[in-house]
Amino acid sequence: MHNITAKAILSPQNGINVYRGCTHGCIYCDSRSSCYQMDHAFEDVAVKQNAPELLESALRRKRRRCMIGTGAMCDPYLPLEAETRLTRRCLEVIADQGFGVSVLTKSDLILRDIDLLSQINRRGKAVVCTTLTTYDEDLCRLLEPNVCTTRRRFEMLRAMKDAGVRTGVWLCPTLPFLTDTEENLRGLLDYCLDAGVEVIVHFGMGLTLRDGNRQYFYDRLDQLFPGMKSRYVRAFGGRYHCVSPNAARLTGILRGFCRRHGIVCGSDSALAWLAEFEDPQAGCQLSLFS
């Protein structure tokens, strides 16, 4: 890791990234893609040491309260967060200023901050989401080697739900020939139901591969699943979208499950739900993009 002094922290879409880079080691990570123009090694995480101060300044200038999102590009609960506590300090700013928050993480370190998230949710809206890719714990340890497994992420969501914090799941990516089975999907959906998730973010049954990301993914496939890289090359060539041959059937199962249980699902509708700020004082809902 190395410290940097950032010039800004809040994006036009009201997202923040306290860190840049990651140590989770997920073999499919899109954030490795060359298009993001990272100027340092991906695992040498850049720490935006002035993030809380920048966030406080940005929120004070806001004309209305809204949802603040974090985790889309970099997990806010990397192991180093236990030491830096920058994400917690940003949550304190969000709570003090009366904003809402949507957090995406694969780490149970977020349980440390359940007090702040509960406080934010009592005043408006706090949503904790996690990514789920495989129900198989052994496969999870291969695909996402340096972070807690699927079962532990489910337990984290249950703890959040029990504390009154709203929960969601990012059901992506689906890896063709590895996680694109009905058994796997139904196992993950059982977790979603048991954790009381209100939203499932889903971009289709497949994954995307761009320059930088593709090379790392194929290298890991060669090491972990001999012959799988060749299968991908034969099936998808150099395509950006790698869609599972089982996509139609699996998507039907997912949509039916969400209809039966009243779960917001998809891409646009799910992201809109996450962006919708509920202001108890105003008695209305405000869009993140308003």
Protein backbone atom coordinates (compact mmCIF):
# COMPACT_ATOMS: atom_id res chain seq x y z
CA MET A 1 0.00 0.00 0.00
CA HIS A 2 1.00 3.63 -0.41
CA ASN A 3 -0.64 6.86 0.69
CA ILE A 4 -1.78 9.52 -1.75
CA THR A 5 -3.44 12.91 -1.35
CA ALA A 6 -6.53 12.91 -3.55
CA LYS A 7 -7.89 16.04 -5.24
CA ALA A 8 -11.52 14.88 -5.09
CA ILE A 9 -13.47 11.93 -3.71
CA LEU A 10 -17.12 12.25 -4.80
CA SER A 11 -18.01 11.30 -8.37
CA PRO A 12 -20.80 13.00 -10.37
CA GLN A 13 -22.91 9.90 -9.60
CA ASN A 14 -22.25 10.33 -5.84
CA GLY A 15 -19.86 7.40 -5.57
CA ILE A 16 -16.67 7.26 -3.55
CA ASN A 17 -13.60 5.02 -3.65
CA VAL A 18 -11.37 5.37 -0.61
CA TYR A 19 -8.81 2.97 -2.09
CA ARG A 20 -7.55 2.21 -5.58
CA GLY A 21 -6.39 -1.30 -6.28
CA CYS A 22 -7.24 -4.51 -4.42
CA THR A 23 -5.71 -7.47 -2.60
CA HIS A 24 -8.69 -9.85 -2.73
CA GLY A 25 -7.23 -11.66 -5.75
CA CYS A 26 -10.55 -12.43 -7.50
CA ILE A 27 -9.55 -13.97 -10.81
CA TYR A 28 -12.28 -12.23 -12.85
CA CYS A 29 -11.92 -8.65 -11.52
CA ASP A 30 -12.86 -6.03 -14.13
CA SER A 31 -11.04 -3.32 -12.17
CA ARG A 32 -7.78 -4.72 -13.53
CA SER A 33 -8.78 -3.57 -17.02
CA SER A 34 -6.33 -1.27 -18.77
CA CYS A 35 -9.05 1.27 -19.55
CA TYR A 36 -8.97 2.45 -15.92
CA GLN A 37 -5.38 3.64 -16.43
CA MET A 38 -4.03 2.61 -13.05
CA ASP A 39 -0.48 3.93 -12.70
CA HIS A 40 0.68 1.43 -10.07
CA ALA A 41 0.58 -2.32 -9.46
CA PHE A 42 -2.98 -3.46 -8.79
CA GLU A 43 -2.09 -5.10 -5.47
CA ASP A 44 -0.12 -2.02 -4.32
CA VAL A 45 -3.24 -0.29 -3.05
CA ALA A 46 -3.34 3.50 -3.18
CA VAL A 47 -4.83 4.88 0.05
CA LYS A 48 -6.61 8.22 -0.29
CA GLN A 49 -5.60 9.45 3.14
CA ASN A 50 -7.63 12.68 2.94
CA ALA A 51 -10.85 10.96 1.80
CA PRO A 52 -12.98 11.79 4.91
CA GLU A 53 -12.09 15.49 4.75
CA LEU A 54 -12.83 15.65 1.02
CA LEU A 55 -16.14 13.86 1.53
CA GLU A 56 -17.24 16.19 4.32
CA SER A 57 -16.47 19.22 2.19
CA ALA A 58 -18.34 17.76 -0.80
CA LEU A 59 -21.44 16.83 1.23
CA ARG A 60 -21.64 20.26 2.84
CA ARG A 61 -21.95 21.72 -0.65
CA LYS A 62 -24.85 19.43 -1.61
CA ARG A 63 -28.21 21.13 -1.97
CA ARG A 64 -30.10 17.99 -0.98
CA ARG A 65 -29.30 14.74 0.70
CA CYS A 66 -28.88 11.58 -1.36
CA MET A 67 -27.36 8.11 -1.35
CA ILE A 68 -23.58 7.80 -1.32
CA GLY A 69 -22.31 4.63 -2.97
CA THR A 70 -19.03 2.84 -2.36
CA GLY A 71 -17.50 -0.43 -3.53
CA ALA A 72 -18.18 -0.34 -7.26
CA MET A 73 -14.51 -0.07 -8.24
CA CYS A 74 -12.66 -1.03 -5.08
CA ASP A 75 -13.78 -2.87 -1.96
CA PRO A 76 -14.00 -0.35 0.91
CA TYR A 77 -13.19 -3.12 3.42
CA LEU A 78 -9.82 -4.35 2.23
CA PRO A 79 -7.76 -5.86 5.08
CA LEU A 80 -5.82 -2.60 5.44
CA GLU A 81 -9.08 -0.85 6.42
CA ALA A 82 -8.69 -2.48 9.85
CA GLU A 83 -5.68 -0.20 10.32
CA THR A 84 -6.54 2.94 8.33
CA ARG A 85 -10.25 3.12 9.35
CA LEU A 86 -10.84 5.49 6.42
CA THR A 87 -14.10 3.84 5.37
CA ARG A 88 -15.40 4.08 8.93
CA ARG A 89 -14.48 7.76 9.07
CA CYS A 90 -16.36 8.31 5.79
CA LEU A 91 -19.40 6.57 7.27
CA GLU A 92 -19.18 8.90 10.24
CA VAL A 93 -19.26 11.86 7.86
CA ILE A 94 -22.26 10.40 6.02
CA ALA A 95 -24.08 9.83 9.31
CA ASP A 96 -23.28 13.32 10.64
CA GLN A 97 -24.47 14.98 7.42
CA GLY A 98 -27.69 12.95 7.24
CA PHE A 99 -27.01 11.19 3.93
CA GLY A 100 -27.74 7.58 2.98
CA VAL A 101 -25.23 4.94 1.95
CA SER A 102 -24.99 1.87 -0.26
CA VAL A 103 -21.96 -0.34 0.40
CA LEU A 104 -20.70 -3.22 -1.73
CA THR A 105 -18.14 -5.49 -0.08
CA LYS A 106 -16.96 -9.09 0.05
CA SER A 107 -15.48 -8.64 3.51
CA ASP A 108 -16.97 -9.38 6.92
CA LEU A 109 -14.83 -6.54 8.31
CA ILE A 110 -17.90 -4.40 7.65
CA LEU A 111 -19.46 -5.95 10.78
CA ARG A 112 -17.16 -3.67 12.76
CA ASP A 113 -19.23 -0.72 11.52
CA ILE A 114 -22.69 -2.16 12.08
CA ASP A 115 -23.36 0.55 14.66
CA LEU A 116 -22.86 3.35 12.13
CA LEU A 117 -24.79 1.59 9.40
CA SER A 118 -27.73 1.03 11.77
CA GLN A 119 -27.62 4.69 12.74
CA ILE A 120 -27.67 5.80 9.10
CA ASN A 121 -30.54 3.44 8.32
CA ARG A 122 -32.66 4.72 11.21
CA ARG A 123 -32.41 8.23 9.79
CA GLY A 124 -32.82 7.31 6.14
CA LYS A 125 -31.43 4.37 4.22
CA ALA A 126 -28.37 2.15 4.49
CA VAL A 127 -27.92 -0.86 2.24
CA VAL A 128 -25.15 -3.44 2.55
CA CYS A 129 -24.56 -5.60 -0.51
CA THR A 130 -22.14 -8.40 -1.22
CA THR A 131 -21.08 -10.20 -4.37
CA LEU A 132 -22.03 -13.87 -4.68
CA THR A 133 -20.60 -16.00 -7.49
CA THR A 134 -20.52 -19.59 -6.27
CA TYR A 135 -22.29 -21.70 -3.66
CA ASP A 136 -19.33 -24.09 -3.60
CA GLU A 137 -16.98 -23.06 -0.79
CA ASP A 138 -13.95 -24.82 -2.28
CA LEU A 139 -14.50 -23.19 -5.66
CA CYS A 140 -14.97 -19.84 -3.95
CA ARG A 141 -11.52 -20.16 -2.36
CA LEU A 142 -10.05 -20.58 -5.84
CA LEU A 143 -12.01 -17.81 -7.56
CA GLU A 144 -11.80 -15.29 -4.70
CA PRO A 145 -8.78 -16.46 -2.71
CA ASN A 146 -8.03 -13.64 -0.26
CA VAL A 147 -11.47 -12.79 1.07
CA CYS A 148 -14.09 -14.52 3.19
CA THR A 149 -16.10 -17.24 1.47
CA THR A 150 -19.69 -17.18 0.27
CA ARG A 151 -21.02 -18.74 3.48
CA ARG A 152 -19.40 -16.06 5.62
CA ARG A 153 -20.74 -13.31 3.35
CA PHE A 154 -24.22 -14.77 3.80
CA GLU A 155 -23.72 -14.71 7.57
CA MET A 156 -22.64 -11.09 7.32
CA LEU A 157 -25.82 -10.19 5.43
CA ARG A 158 -27.93 -11.99 8.04
CA ALA A 159 -26.24 -10.02 10.82
CA MET A 160 -26.93 -6.77 8.97
CA LYS A 161 -30.56 -7.71 8.43
CA ASP A 162 -30.94 -8.61 12.11
CA ALA A 163 -29.56 -5.15 12.97
CA GLY A 164 -32.17 -3.49 10.75
CA VAL A 165 -29.80 -2.66 7.89
CA ARG A 166 -31.18 -3.38 4.43
CA THR A 167 -29.35 -5.95 2.32
CA GLY A 168 -28.72 -6.83 -1.30
CA VAL A 169 -26.63 -9.06 -3.54
CA TRP A 170 -24.66 -8.47 -6.72
CA LEU A 171 -25.14 -11.78 -8.56
CA CYS A 172 -22.24 -11.36 -10.93
CA PRO A 173 -20.26 -12.44 -12.73
CA THR A 174 -21.45 -15.86 -13.82
CA LEU A 175 -18.45 -17.78 -15.14
CA PRO A 176 -19.29 -19.99 -18.13
CA PHE A 177 -18.39 -23.66 -17.59
CA LEU A 178 -17.57 -22.98 -13.92
CA THR A 179 -20.52 -21.42 -12.05
CA ASP A 180 -23.30 -21.41 -14.65
CA THR A 181 -25.32 -24.33 -13.29
CA GLU A 182 -28.85 -24.47 -11.94
CA GLU A 183 -27.59 -26.08 -8.74
CA ASN A 184 -25.20 -23.20 -8.11
CA LEU A 185 -27.79 -20.53 -8.87
CA ARG A 186 -30.44 -22.08 -6.64
CA GLY A 187 -27.93 -22.38 -3.79
CA LEU A 188 -27.11 -18.68 -4.06
CA LEU A 189 -30.78 -17.74 -4.26
CA ASP A 190 -31.46 -19.73 -1.09
CA TYR A 191 -28.84 -17.58 0.62
CA CYS A 192 -30.54 -14.45 -0.75
CA LEU A 193 -33.88 -15.53 0.65
CA ASP A 194 -32.50 -16.51 4.05
CA ALA A 195 -30.63 -13.20 4.32
CA GLY A 196 -33.76 -11.21 3.47
CA VAL A 197 -32.20 -9.36 0.56
CA GLU A 198 -34.39 -6.70 -1.04
CA VAL A 199 -32.43 -6.25 -4.26
CA ILE A 200 -30.37 -8.42 -6.61
CA VAL A 201 -28.13 -6.61 -9.09
CA HIS A 202 -27.73 -8.70 -12.21
CA PHE A 203 -26.15 -7.87 -15.57
CA GLY A 204 -26.76 -11.17 -17.35
CA MET A 205 -25.45 -14.70 -17.04
CA GLY A 206 -21.84 -14.29 -18.09
CA LEU A 207 -18.83 -12.07 -17.60
CA THR A 208 -16.98 -9.31 -19.42
CA LEU A 209 -13.32 -9.47 -20.42
CA ARG A 210 -11.32 -6.41 -21.39
CA ASP A 211 -7.64 -5.85 -22.02
CA GLY A 212 -5.75 -6.31 -18.77
CA ASN A 213 -8.57 -8.21 -17.13
CA ARG A 214 -8.60 -10.88 -19.86
CA GLN A 215 -4.90 -11.64 -19.58
CA TYR A 216 -5.01 -12.05 -15.81
CA PHE A 217 -8.16 -14.18 -15.95
CA TYR A 218 -6.75 -16.52 -18.60
CA ASP A 219 -3.48 -16.85 -16.72
CA ARG A 220 -5.35 -17.91 -13.58
CA LEU A 221 -7.57 -20.29 -15.55
CA ASP A 222 -4.47 -22.01 -16.91
CA GLN A 223 -3.11 -22.50 -13.40
CA LEU A 224 -6.33 -23.46 -11.60
CA PHE A 225 -8.35 -25.28 -14.27
CA PRO A 226 -6.08 -26.81 -16.94
CA GLY A 227 -7.74 -26.71 -20.35
CA MET A 228 -10.36 -24.12 -19.35
CA LYS A 229 -8.61 -21.21 -21.07
CA SER A 230 -8.68 -23.10 -24.39
CA ARG A 231 -12.37 -23.76 -23.89
CA TYR A 232 -13.02 -20.04 -23.37
CA VAL A 233 -10.98 -19.10 -26.45
CA ARG A 234 -12.90 -21.60 -28.57
CA ALA A 235 -16.26 -20.40 -27.25
CA PHE A 236 -15.75 -16.64 -27.13
CA GLY A 237 -12.60 -15.67 -29.02
CA GLY A 238 -11.74 -12.08 -28.17
CA ARG A 239 -15.32 -11.05 -27.36
CA TYR A 240 -16.03 -8.56 -24.59
CA HIS A 241 -19.25 -10.28 -23.50
CA CYS A 242 -18.84 -13.97 -22.62
CA VAL A 243 -22.39 -15.23 -22.23
CA SER A 244 -23.12 -18.60 -20.65
CA PRO A 245 -24.70 -21.21 -22.95
CA ASN A 246 -27.21 -21.67 -20.10
CA ALA A 247 -28.07 -17.98 -19.86
CA ALA A 248 -31.72 -18.13 -20.95
CA ARG A 249 -32.67 -20.93 -18.57
CA LEU A 250 -30.79 -19.46 -15.61
CA THR A 251 -32.20 -15.98 -16.20
CA GLY A 252 -35.71 -17.43 -16.20
CA ILE A 253 -35.07 -19.12 -12.85
CA LEU A 254 -33.72 -15.88 -11.38
CA ARG A 255 -36.58 -13.71 -12.61
CA GLY A 256 -39.20 -16.17 -11.40
CA PHE A 257 -37.58 -16.33 -7.97
CA CYS A 258 -37.50 -12.54 -7.65
CA ARG A 259 -41.15 -12.18 -8.72
CA ARG A 260 -42.29 -14.76 -6.17
CA HIS A 261 -40.41 -13.14 -3.31
CA GLY A 262 -40.83 -9.46 -4.18
CA ILE A 263 -37.12 -8.81 -4.75
CA VAL A 264 -36.06 -5.94 -7.00
CA CYS A 265 -33.94 -7.53 -9.73
CA GLY A 266 -32.03 -6.68 -12.88
CA SER A 267 -29.64 -3.91 -13.72
CA ASP A 268 -31.43 -0.59 -14.25
CA SER A 269 -34.24 -1.23 -11.74
CA ALA A 270 -31.88 -2.61 -9.11
CA LEU A 271 -29.39 0.23 -9.44
CA ALA A 272 -32.25 2.75 -9.30
CA TRP A 273 -33.49 1.17 -6.06
CA LEU A 274 -30.01 1.40 -4.54
CA ALA A 275 -29.81 5.05 -5.59
CA GLU A 276 -33.16 6.02 -4.11
CA PHE A 277 -32.71 8.02 -0.91
CA GLU A 278 -35.50 7.81 1.63
CA ASP A 279 -35.75 11.00 3.66
CA PRO A 280 -38.05 10.51 6.67
CA GLN A 281 -38.13 14.25 7.35
CA ALA A 282 -39.27 15.08 3.83
CA GLY A 283 -41.60 12.06 3.69
CA CYS A 284 -40.48 11.23 0.17
CA GLN A 285 -37.87 9.44 -1.87
CA LEU A 286 -35.14 11.28 -3.73
CA SER A 287 -33.15 9.87 -6.61
CA LEU A 288 -29.37 9.73 -6.48
CA PHE A 289 -29.37 11.20 -9.97
CA SER A 290 -31.71 14.14 -9.29
